[in-house]
Amino acid sequence: MIFLDADDDVEEGFIHARWQTAIKTQADVVIFNAWRTGFGTSRFAVHTKQPYAQPLSGHEWIRHCVTHREWPHYLWLQIVRSSYIRDNELCFQTGKSHKDILWTVNLAVGDGRFYLLDVKDYSYRINAASITHRCDYYDVRAQSYIDVITEIIRLAELRSNK
C-alpha cells in the first residue's frame, strides 16, 4: 500500500522503485525520504537522522526515532505490505486529524520488519491553502493532538511495548 497527497509530486517510476525496494528487503514497512518544498526554490530533506539501509524491528525504529528526536510519520513516505496491515488490524480513526501519526505508531507497535532508504523521489509541497494550514482548523488540530498523545501513552504502557 502506498498513500499519496494530491498536491505533491513524484518522480517517474516512483511506485515501481518503492515496490522493488520492498521486495528486495522483504520489509513489512519501507520508509523513504522526500524533499520538502514550498519555500520558493529551496528544498530540504524531510528527515536526516534515520538509520538508512539497515533492517530493524518496529520497536527498534521507534527507539531510534525517540532518541534521535526525529519522527517521520508521514503516510506518503511509506510503502506497507498489505498483509501486515490486515494482520495488525490497522485502520484510520474517522473524523480525526493527524491520522498519520497514530497510523505510524501502530505500524511500529506491530514490531514488523522495517527498512529505511534515503531516496528522495517524492516532493512534499507546503500548501498554505491546505486544510491543515487554515486558521479555522486549529481547534480541530489541537484536540486531535491531545487524542494522539493519549493513545501513544496508552500504547506505551502495554507490556508488549515496554
N, C-alpha and C. Protein backbone atom coordinates (compact mmCIF):
# COMPACT_ATOMS: atom_id res chain seq x y z
N MET A 1 0.84 -1.17 0.00
CA MET A 1 0.00 0.00 0.00
C MET A 1 0.89 1.23 0.00
N ILE A 2 0.49 2.18 -0.80
CA ILE A 2 1.18 3.47 -0.85
C ILE A 2 0.10 4.55 -0.75
N PHE A 3 0.37 5.57 0.04
CA PHE A 3 -0.53 6.70 0.18
C PHE A 3 0.16 7.94 -0.38
N LEU A 4 -0.59 8.74 -1.11
CA LEU A 4 -0.04 9.96 -1.71
C LEU A 4 -0.89 11.16 -1.32
N ASP A 5 -0.27 12.32 -1.25
CA ASP A 5 -1.01 13.57 -1.10
C ASP A 5 -1.28 14.12 -2.49
N ALA A 6 -2.49 14.60 -2.70
CA ALA A 6 -2.92 15.03 -4.04
C ALA A 6 -2.11 16.20 -4.59
N ASP A 7 -1.56 17.04 -3.72
CA ASP A 7 -0.86 18.23 -4.21
C ASP A 7 0.67 18.08 -4.23
N ASP A 8 1.17 16.85 -4.09
CA ASP A 8 2.60 16.60 -4.11
C ASP A 8 3.04 16.07 -5.48
N ASP A 9 4.36 15.96 -5.66
CA ASP A 9 4.92 15.46 -6.92
C ASP A 9 5.76 14.23 -6.67
N VAL A 10 5.73 13.30 -7.62
CA VAL A 10 6.58 12.12 -7.56
C VAL A 10 7.36 12.03 -8.87
N GLU A 11 8.50 11.39 -8.80
CA GLU A 11 9.32 11.21 -9.99
C GLU A 11 8.84 10.01 -10.80
N GLU A 12 9.24 9.98 -12.06
CA GLU A 12 8.94 8.87 -12.95
C GLU A 12 9.41 7.56 -12.32
N GLY A 13 8.60 6.53 -12.33
CA GLY A 13 8.97 5.22 -11.79
C GLY A 13 8.88 5.13 -10.28
N PHE A 14 8.28 6.11 -9.64
CA PHE A 14 8.19 6.20 -8.19
C PHE A 14 7.64 4.92 -7.55
N ILE A 15 6.47 4.49 -7.97
CA ILE A 15 5.84 3.32 -7.35
C ILE A 15 6.65 2.06 -7.61
N HIS A 16 7.11 1.89 -8.83
CA HIS A 16 7.89 0.70 -9.16
C HIS A 16 9.18 0.64 -8.32
N ALA A 17 9.87 1.75 -8.18
CA ALA A 17 11.11 1.78 -7.40
C ALA A 17 10.86 1.44 -5.94
N ARG A 18 9.78 1.97 -5.38
CA ARG A 18 9.46 1.66 -3.99
C ARG A 18 9.09 0.19 -3.82
N TRP A 19 8.30 -0.31 -4.75
CA TRP A 19 7.91 -1.71 -4.70
C TRP A 19 9.13 -2.61 -4.79
N GLN A 20 10.07 -2.29 -5.67
CA GLN A 20 11.29 -3.08 -5.81
C GLN A 20 12.10 -3.10 -4.51
N THR A 21 12.17 -1.96 -3.83
CA THR A 21 12.88 -1.91 -2.55
C THR A 21 12.19 -2.80 -1.52
N ALA A 22 10.87 -2.74 -1.47
CA ALA A 22 10.12 -3.56 -0.52
C ALA A 22 10.35 -5.05 -0.79
N ILE A 23 10.34 -5.43 -2.04
CA ILE A 23 10.57 -6.84 -2.41
C ILE A 23 11.99 -7.25 -2.05
N LYS A 24 12.96 -6.44 -2.43
CA LYS A 24 14.37 -6.76 -2.21
C LYS A 24 14.70 -6.91 -0.72
N THR A 25 14.14 -6.04 0.11
CA THR A 25 14.46 -6.04 1.55
C THR A 25 13.55 -6.96 2.35
N GLN A 26 12.47 -7.45 1.73
CA GLN A 26 11.48 -8.28 2.42
C GLN A 26 10.92 -7.59 3.66
N ALA A 27 10.81 -6.27 3.59
CA ALA A 27 10.32 -5.49 4.72
C ALA A 27 8.79 -5.45 4.73
N ASP A 28 8.24 -5.35 5.92
CA ASP A 28 6.80 -5.11 6.07
C ASP A 28 6.51 -3.64 5.82
N VAL A 29 7.44 -2.79 6.22
CA VAL A 29 7.30 -1.34 6.08
C VAL A 29 8.63 -0.78 5.57
N VAL A 30 8.55 -0.04 4.47
CA VAL A 30 9.73 0.68 3.98
C VAL A 30 9.40 2.16 4.06
N ILE A 31 10.30 2.90 4.68
CA ILE A 31 10.12 4.34 4.81
C ILE A 31 11.22 5.01 4.00
N PHE A 32 10.80 5.90 3.12
CA PHE A 32 11.71 6.62 2.25
C PHE A 32 11.86 8.05 2.74
N ASN A 33 12.72 8.77 2.11
CA ASN A 33 12.89 10.18 2.39
C ASN A 33 12.13 10.96 1.31
N ALA A 34 12.14 12.27 1.40
CA ALA A 34 11.47 13.11 0.42
C ALA A 34 12.06 14.51 0.50
N TRP A 35 11.69 15.32 -0.47
CA TRP A 35 12.02 16.74 -0.43
C TRP A 35 10.82 17.50 0.10
N ARG A 36 11.06 18.47 0.95
CA ARG A 36 10.02 19.39 1.41
C ARG A 36 10.22 20.67 0.60
N THR A 37 9.18 21.06 -0.13
CA THR A 37 9.26 22.25 -0.98
C THR A 37 8.14 23.21 -0.62
N GLY A 38 8.20 24.40 -1.21
CA GLY A 38 7.16 25.38 -0.97
C GLY A 38 7.71 26.67 -0.41
N PHE A 39 9.01 26.75 -0.31
CA PHE A 39 9.68 27.95 0.19
C PHE A 39 10.45 28.60 -0.95
N GLY A 40 9.75 28.97 -2.01
CA GLY A 40 10.44 29.49 -3.18
C GLY A 40 11.11 28.35 -3.93
N THR A 41 12.39 28.50 -4.23
CA THR A 41 13.10 27.45 -4.97
C THR A 41 13.85 26.50 -4.04
N SER A 42 13.83 26.77 -2.75
CA SER A 42 14.57 25.92 -1.81
C SER A 42 13.84 24.60 -1.59
N ARG A 43 14.62 23.58 -1.30
CA ARG A 43 14.04 22.30 -0.90
C ARG A 43 14.94 21.71 0.18
N PHE A 44 14.31 20.96 1.08
CA PHE A 44 15.00 20.40 2.22
C PHE A 44 14.60 18.94 2.38
N ALA A 45 15.53 18.12 2.84
CA ALA A 45 15.20 16.72 3.12
C ALA A 45 14.19 16.67 4.26
N VAL A 46 13.22 15.79 4.17
CA VAL A 46 12.20 15.66 5.21
C VAL A 46 12.83 15.13 6.50
N HIS A 47 13.74 14.17 6.40
CA HIS A 47 14.43 13.70 7.59
C HIS A 47 15.90 13.45 7.29
N THR A 48 16.72 13.49 8.33
CA THR A 48 18.17 13.38 8.16
C THR A 48 18.83 12.45 9.18
N LYS A 49 18.08 11.96 10.15
CA LYS A 49 18.68 11.19 11.25
C LYS A 49 18.22 9.75 11.31
N GLN A 50 17.78 9.20 10.20
CA GLN A 50 17.25 7.84 10.21
C GLN A 50 18.34 6.80 9.96
N PRO A 51 18.15 5.58 10.43
CA PRO A 51 19.14 4.50 10.24
C PRO A 51 18.98 3.87 8.85
N TYR A 52 19.47 4.56 7.85
CA TYR A 52 19.28 4.15 6.47
C TYR A 52 19.97 2.82 6.14
N ALA A 53 19.34 2.08 5.24
CA ALA A 53 19.89 0.87 4.64
C ALA A 53 20.21 -0.24 5.64
N GLN A 54 19.40 -0.32 6.69
CA GLN A 54 19.56 -1.45 7.61
C GLN A 54 18.20 -1.89 8.12
N PRO A 55 17.95 -3.19 8.16
CA PRO A 55 16.66 -3.66 8.66
C PRO A 55 16.59 -3.52 10.18
N LEU A 56 15.42 -3.18 10.67
CA LEU A 56 15.18 -3.12 12.11
C LEU A 56 13.74 -3.50 12.40
N SER A 57 13.49 -3.85 13.63
CA SER A 57 12.11 -4.13 14.04
C SER A 57 11.39 -2.80 14.26
N GLY A 58 10.08 -2.86 14.30
CA GLY A 58 9.31 -1.65 14.57
C GLY A 58 9.67 -1.02 15.90
N HIS A 59 9.89 -1.85 16.93
CA HIS A 59 10.26 -1.33 18.25
C HIS A 59 11.64 -0.67 18.20
N GLU A 60 12.58 -1.28 17.48
CA GLU A 60 13.91 -0.67 17.34
C GLU A 60 13.81 0.68 16.63
N TRP A 61 12.94 0.76 15.63
CA TRP A 61 12.79 2.02 14.90
C TRP A 61 12.20 3.11 15.79
N ILE A 62 11.19 2.77 16.58
CA ILE A 62 10.61 3.77 17.50
C ILE A 62 11.69 4.26 18.46
N ARG A 63 12.46 3.34 19.03
CA ARG A 63 13.54 3.76 19.94
C ARG A 63 14.50 4.72 19.25
N HIS A 64 14.87 4.40 18.02
CA HIS A 64 15.77 5.27 17.27
C HIS A 64 15.14 6.66 17.09
N CYS A 65 13.89 6.69 16.68
CA CYS A 65 13.22 7.98 16.43
C CYS A 65 13.14 8.81 17.71
N VAL A 66 12.82 8.19 18.82
CA VAL A 66 12.71 8.92 20.09
C VAL A 66 14.08 9.43 20.53
N THR A 67 15.10 8.58 20.48
CA THR A 67 16.42 9.01 20.96
C THR A 67 17.08 10.03 20.03
N HIS A 68 16.70 10.03 18.75
CA HIS A 68 17.27 11.00 17.81
C HIS A 68 16.34 12.17 17.52
N ARG A 69 15.20 12.17 18.18
CA ARG A 69 14.22 13.26 18.07
C ARG A 69 13.83 13.58 16.63
N GLU A 70 13.51 12.51 15.90
CA GLU A 70 13.03 12.67 14.53
C GLU A 70 12.01 11.58 14.25
N TRP A 71 10.80 11.99 13.96
CA TRP A 71 9.70 11.05 13.78
C TRP A 71 9.07 11.24 12.40
N PRO A 72 9.58 10.55 11.37
CA PRO A 72 8.99 10.67 10.03
C PRO A 72 7.72 9.83 9.91
N HIS A 73 6.64 10.39 10.37
CA HIS A 73 5.36 9.67 10.47
C HIS A 73 4.47 9.84 9.24
N TYR A 74 4.96 10.48 8.23
CA TYR A 74 4.12 10.83 7.08
C TYR A 74 3.73 9.60 6.26
N LEU A 75 2.46 9.49 5.97
CA LEU A 75 1.96 8.35 5.19
C LEU A 75 2.63 8.26 3.83
N TRP A 76 2.87 9.39 3.21
CA TRP A 76 3.41 9.41 1.86
C TRP A 76 4.88 9.01 1.79
N LEU A 77 5.52 8.74 2.92
CA LEU A 77 6.89 8.23 2.93
C LEU A 77 6.92 6.70 2.98
N GLN A 78 5.78 6.06 3.09
CA GLN A 78 5.73 4.63 3.40
C GLN A 78 5.21 3.78 2.25
N ILE A 79 5.74 2.58 2.16
CA ILE A 79 5.09 1.51 1.42
C ILE A 79 4.95 0.37 2.44
N VAL A 80 3.74 -0.15 2.57
CA VAL A 80 3.44 -1.12 3.63
C VAL A 80 2.83 -2.37 3.00
N ARG A 81 3.33 -3.50 3.44
CA ARG A 81 2.80 -4.79 2.97
C ARG A 81 1.32 -4.88 3.40
N SER A 82 0.44 -5.18 2.46
CA SER A 82 -1.00 -5.22 2.77
C SER A 82 -1.33 -6.28 3.81
N SER A 83 -0.62 -7.41 3.79
CA SER A 83 -0.89 -8.45 4.80
C SER A 83 -0.50 -7.96 6.20
N TYR A 84 0.50 -7.11 6.30
CA TYR A 84 0.90 -6.53 7.59
C TYR A 84 -0.22 -5.64 8.12
N ILE A 85 -0.85 -4.88 7.25
CA ILE A 85 -1.98 -4.03 7.63
C ILE A 85 -3.13 -4.91 8.14
N ARG A 86 -3.45 -5.94 7.40
CA ARG A 86 -4.54 -6.85 7.80
C ARG A 86 -4.21 -7.58 9.10
N ASP A 87 -3.00 -8.16 9.17
CA ASP A 87 -2.62 -8.95 10.35
C ASP A 87 -2.62 -8.12 11.63
N ASN A 88 -2.30 -6.85 11.53
CA ASN A 88 -2.27 -5.97 12.70
C ASN A 88 -3.54 -5.15 12.86
N GLU A 89 -4.53 -5.43 12.00
CA GLU A 89 -5.84 -4.76 12.04
C GLU A 89 -5.69 -3.24 12.09
N LEU A 90 -4.82 -2.71 11.24
CA LEU A 90 -4.57 -1.28 11.21
C LEU A 90 -5.68 -0.56 10.45
N CYS A 91 -6.07 0.59 10.97
CA CYS A 91 -7.08 1.41 10.31
C CYS A 91 -6.92 2.85 10.77
N PHE A 92 -7.62 3.74 10.10
CA PHE A 92 -7.57 5.16 10.45
C PHE A 92 -8.77 5.52 11.31
N GLN A 93 -8.58 6.48 12.19
CA GLN A 93 -9.68 6.96 13.02
C GLN A 93 -10.50 7.97 12.22
N THR A 94 -11.77 7.70 12.08
CA THR A 94 -12.66 8.57 11.34
C THR A 94 -12.79 9.93 12.02
N GLY A 95 -12.77 10.97 11.23
CA GLY A 95 -13.02 12.31 11.73
C GLY A 95 -11.88 12.93 12.53
N LYS A 96 -10.72 12.33 12.52
CA LYS A 96 -9.59 12.84 13.31
C LYS A 96 -8.54 13.45 12.38
N SER A 97 -7.88 14.45 12.88
CA SER A 97 -6.71 15.00 12.20
C SER A 97 -5.50 14.21 12.70
N HIS A 98 -4.39 14.32 12.03
CA HIS A 98 -3.13 13.67 12.42
C HIS A 98 -3.24 12.15 12.37
N LYS A 99 -4.01 11.63 11.42
CA LYS A 99 -4.16 10.19 11.28
C LYS A 99 -2.82 9.51 11.03
N ASP A 100 -1.92 10.20 10.35
CA ASP A 100 -0.64 9.59 10.01
C ASP A 100 0.23 9.32 11.23
N ILE A 101 0.11 10.12 12.27
CA ILE A 101 0.93 9.92 13.47
C ILE A 101 0.56 8.58 14.13
N LEU A 102 -0.72 8.39 14.42
CA LEU A 102 -1.13 7.14 15.07
C LEU A 102 -0.98 5.94 14.14
N TRP A 103 -1.22 6.13 12.87
CA TRP A 103 -1.01 5.05 11.90
C TRP A 103 0.43 4.53 12.01
N THR A 104 1.39 5.46 11.99
CA THR A 104 2.80 5.09 12.00
C THR A 104 3.21 4.50 13.35
N VAL A 105 2.67 5.02 14.44
CA VAL A 105 2.93 4.42 15.74
C VAL A 105 2.44 2.98 15.75
N ASN A 106 1.24 2.76 15.24
CA ASN A 106 0.70 1.39 15.21
C ASN A 106 1.45 0.48 14.26
N LEU A 107 1.97 1.02 13.16
CA LEU A 107 2.85 0.22 12.29
C LEU A 107 4.04 -0.29 13.09
N ALA A 108 4.66 0.61 13.84
CA ALA A 108 5.85 0.25 14.61
C ALA A 108 5.52 -0.70 15.76
N VAL A 109 4.39 -0.48 16.43
CA VAL A 109 3.98 -1.33 17.55
C VAL A 109 3.76 -2.77 17.08
N GLY A 110 3.36 -2.95 15.81
CA GLY A 110 3.22 -4.30 15.26
C GLY A 110 4.54 -5.04 15.21
N ASP A 111 5.64 -4.32 15.38
CA ASP A 111 7.00 -4.85 15.51
C ASP A 111 7.44 -5.70 14.32
N GLY A 112 7.00 -5.30 13.14
CA GLY A 112 7.42 -6.00 11.93
C GLY A 112 8.81 -5.58 11.49
N ARG A 113 9.15 -5.99 10.29
CA ARG A 113 10.47 -5.69 9.72
C ARG A 113 10.39 -4.34 9.01
N PHE A 114 11.19 -3.38 9.47
CA PHE A 114 11.26 -2.04 8.90
C PHE A 114 12.56 -1.86 8.13
N TYR A 115 12.51 -1.03 7.12
CA TYR A 115 13.70 -0.69 6.35
C TYR A 115 13.57 0.77 5.93
N LEU A 116 14.64 1.54 6.10
CA LEU A 116 14.61 2.96 5.73
C LEU A 116 15.63 3.22 4.64
N LEU A 117 15.19 3.98 3.64
CA LEU A 117 16.05 4.25 2.49
C LEU A 117 16.04 5.75 2.20
N ASP A 118 17.23 6.30 2.07
CA ASP A 118 17.37 7.74 1.81
C ASP A 118 17.25 8.04 0.32
N VAL A 119 16.10 7.74 -0.23
CA VAL A 119 15.79 8.06 -1.61
C VAL A 119 14.74 9.16 -1.59
N LYS A 120 15.00 10.23 -2.33
CA LYS A 120 14.08 11.38 -2.35
C LYS A 120 13.44 11.49 -3.73
N ASP A 121 12.46 10.63 -3.98
CA ASP A 121 11.75 10.64 -5.26
C ASP A 121 10.34 11.21 -5.11
N TYR A 122 10.11 11.85 -3.99
CA TYR A 122 8.81 12.44 -3.66
C TYR A 122 9.06 13.87 -3.21
N SER A 123 8.23 14.80 -3.67
CA SER A 123 8.34 16.20 -3.24
C SER A 123 7.06 16.61 -2.53
N TYR A 124 7.20 16.85 -1.24
CA TYR A 124 6.08 17.28 -0.41
C TYR A 124 5.98 18.80 -0.51
N ARG A 125 4.84 19.29 -0.95
CA ARG A 125 4.64 20.73 -1.12
C ARG A 125 3.94 21.32 0.09
N ILE A 126 4.56 22.34 0.67
CA ILE A 126 3.89 23.11 1.72
C ILE A 126 2.83 23.95 1.01
N ASN A 127 1.59 23.73 1.35
CA ASN A 127 0.48 24.39 0.67
C ASN A 127 -0.30 25.21 1.69
N ALA A 128 -0.17 26.52 1.62
CA ALA A 128 -0.84 27.41 2.57
C ALA A 128 -2.37 27.27 2.50
N ALA A 129 -2.90 26.78 1.40
CA ALA A 129 -4.35 26.64 1.24
C ALA A 129 -4.87 25.29 1.72
N SER A 130 -3.99 24.40 2.16
CA SER A 130 -4.46 23.08 2.60
C SER A 130 -5.23 23.19 3.91
N ILE A 131 -6.02 22.18 4.19
CA ILE A 131 -6.87 22.21 5.39
C ILE A 131 -6.05 22.32 6.67
N THR A 132 -4.89 21.72 6.71
CA THR A 132 -4.09 21.74 7.93
C THR A 132 -3.47 23.10 8.22
N HIS A 133 -3.51 24.01 7.26
CA HIS A 133 -2.96 25.36 7.48
C HIS A 133 -4.05 26.43 7.62
N ARG A 134 -5.31 26.03 7.57
CA ARG A 134 -6.39 27.01 7.70
C ARG A 134 -6.58 27.40 9.16
N CYS A 135 -6.81 28.68 9.42
CA CYS A 135 -7.00 29.19 10.78
C CYS A 135 -8.20 28.55 11.46
N ASP A 136 -9.27 28.28 10.72
CA ASP A 136 -10.47 27.71 11.33
C ASP A 136 -10.31 26.23 11.64
N TYR A 137 -9.16 25.67 11.37
CA TYR A 137 -8.90 24.25 11.63
C TYR A 137 -8.02 24.04 12.86
N TYR A 138 -7.49 25.10 13.44
CA TYR A 138 -6.55 24.99 14.55
C TYR A 138 -7.14 24.27 15.76
N ASP A 139 -8.41 24.53 16.10
CA ASP A 139 -9.03 23.85 17.25
C ASP A 139 -9.14 22.35 17.02
N VAL A 140 -9.49 21.95 15.80
CA VAL A 140 -9.59 20.53 15.47
C VAL A 140 -8.21 19.89 15.61
N ARG A 141 -7.18 20.57 15.10
CA ARG A 141 -5.82 20.05 15.20
C ARG A 141 -5.39 19.92 16.66
N ALA A 142 -5.69 20.91 17.48
CA ALA A 142 -5.28 20.87 18.89
C ALA A 142 -5.94 19.69 19.61
N GLN A 143 -7.23 19.51 19.41
CA GLN A 143 -7.93 18.38 20.04
C GLN A 143 -7.38 17.05 19.54
N SER A 144 -7.08 16.98 18.27
CA SER A 144 -6.53 15.74 17.72
C SER A 144 -5.16 15.43 18.31
N TYR A 145 -4.33 16.44 18.54
CA TYR A 145 -3.03 16.21 19.18
C TYR A 145 -3.22 15.59 20.57
N ILE A 146 -4.19 16.09 21.31
CA ILE A 146 -4.47 15.54 22.64
C ILE A 146 -4.86 14.07 22.53
N ASP A 147 -5.72 13.75 21.57
CA ASP A 147 -6.14 12.36 21.35
C ASP A 147 -4.95 11.48 20.95
N VAL A 148 -4.09 12.00 20.09
CA VAL A 148 -2.91 11.25 19.64
C VAL A 148 -1.99 10.96 20.83
N ILE A 149 -1.71 11.96 21.62
CA ILE A 149 -0.81 11.79 22.78
C ILE A 149 -1.40 10.79 23.76
N THR A 150 -2.70 10.88 24.01
CA THR A 150 -3.38 9.95 24.91
C THR A 150 -3.22 8.51 24.42
N GLU A 151 -3.40 8.30 23.11
CA GLU A 151 -3.28 6.95 22.56
C GLU A 151 -1.83 6.47 22.58
N ILE A 152 -0.87 7.32 22.33
CA ILE A 152 0.54 6.93 22.39
C ILE A 152 0.91 6.51 23.81
N ILE A 153 0.44 7.24 24.80
CA ILE A 153 0.70 6.88 26.20
C ILE A 153 0.08 5.52 26.52
N ARG A 154 -1.15 5.30 26.05
CA ARG A 154 -1.81 4.01 26.29
C ARG A 154 -1.00 2.87 25.67
N LEU A 155 -0.56 3.04 24.44
CA LEU A 155 0.22 2.00 23.76
C LEU A 155 1.57 1.77 24.47
N ALA A 156 2.20 2.83 24.93
CA ALA A 156 3.50 2.73 25.60
C ALA A 156 3.38 1.96 26.90
N GLU A 157 2.24 2.01 27.54
CA GLU A 157 2.05 1.32 28.81
C GLU A 157 1.74 -0.16 28.67
N LEU A 158 1.48 -0.62 27.46
CA LEU A 158 1.20 -2.05 27.26
C LEU A 158 2.49 -2.86 27.47
N ARG A 159 2.36 -3.97 28.14
CA ARG A 159 3.52 -4.83 28.43
C ARG A 159 4.29 -5.19 27.15
N SER A 160 3.58 -5.44 26.07
CA SER A 160 4.23 -5.85 24.82
C SER A 160 5.10 -4.75 24.21
N ASN A 161 4.94 -3.53 24.66
CA ASN A 161 5.68 -2.40 24.10
C ASN A 161 6.73 -1.81 25.03
N LYS A 162 6.99 -2.47 26.14
CA LYS A 162 7.96 -1.92 27.13
C LYS A 162 9.35 -1.85 26.56
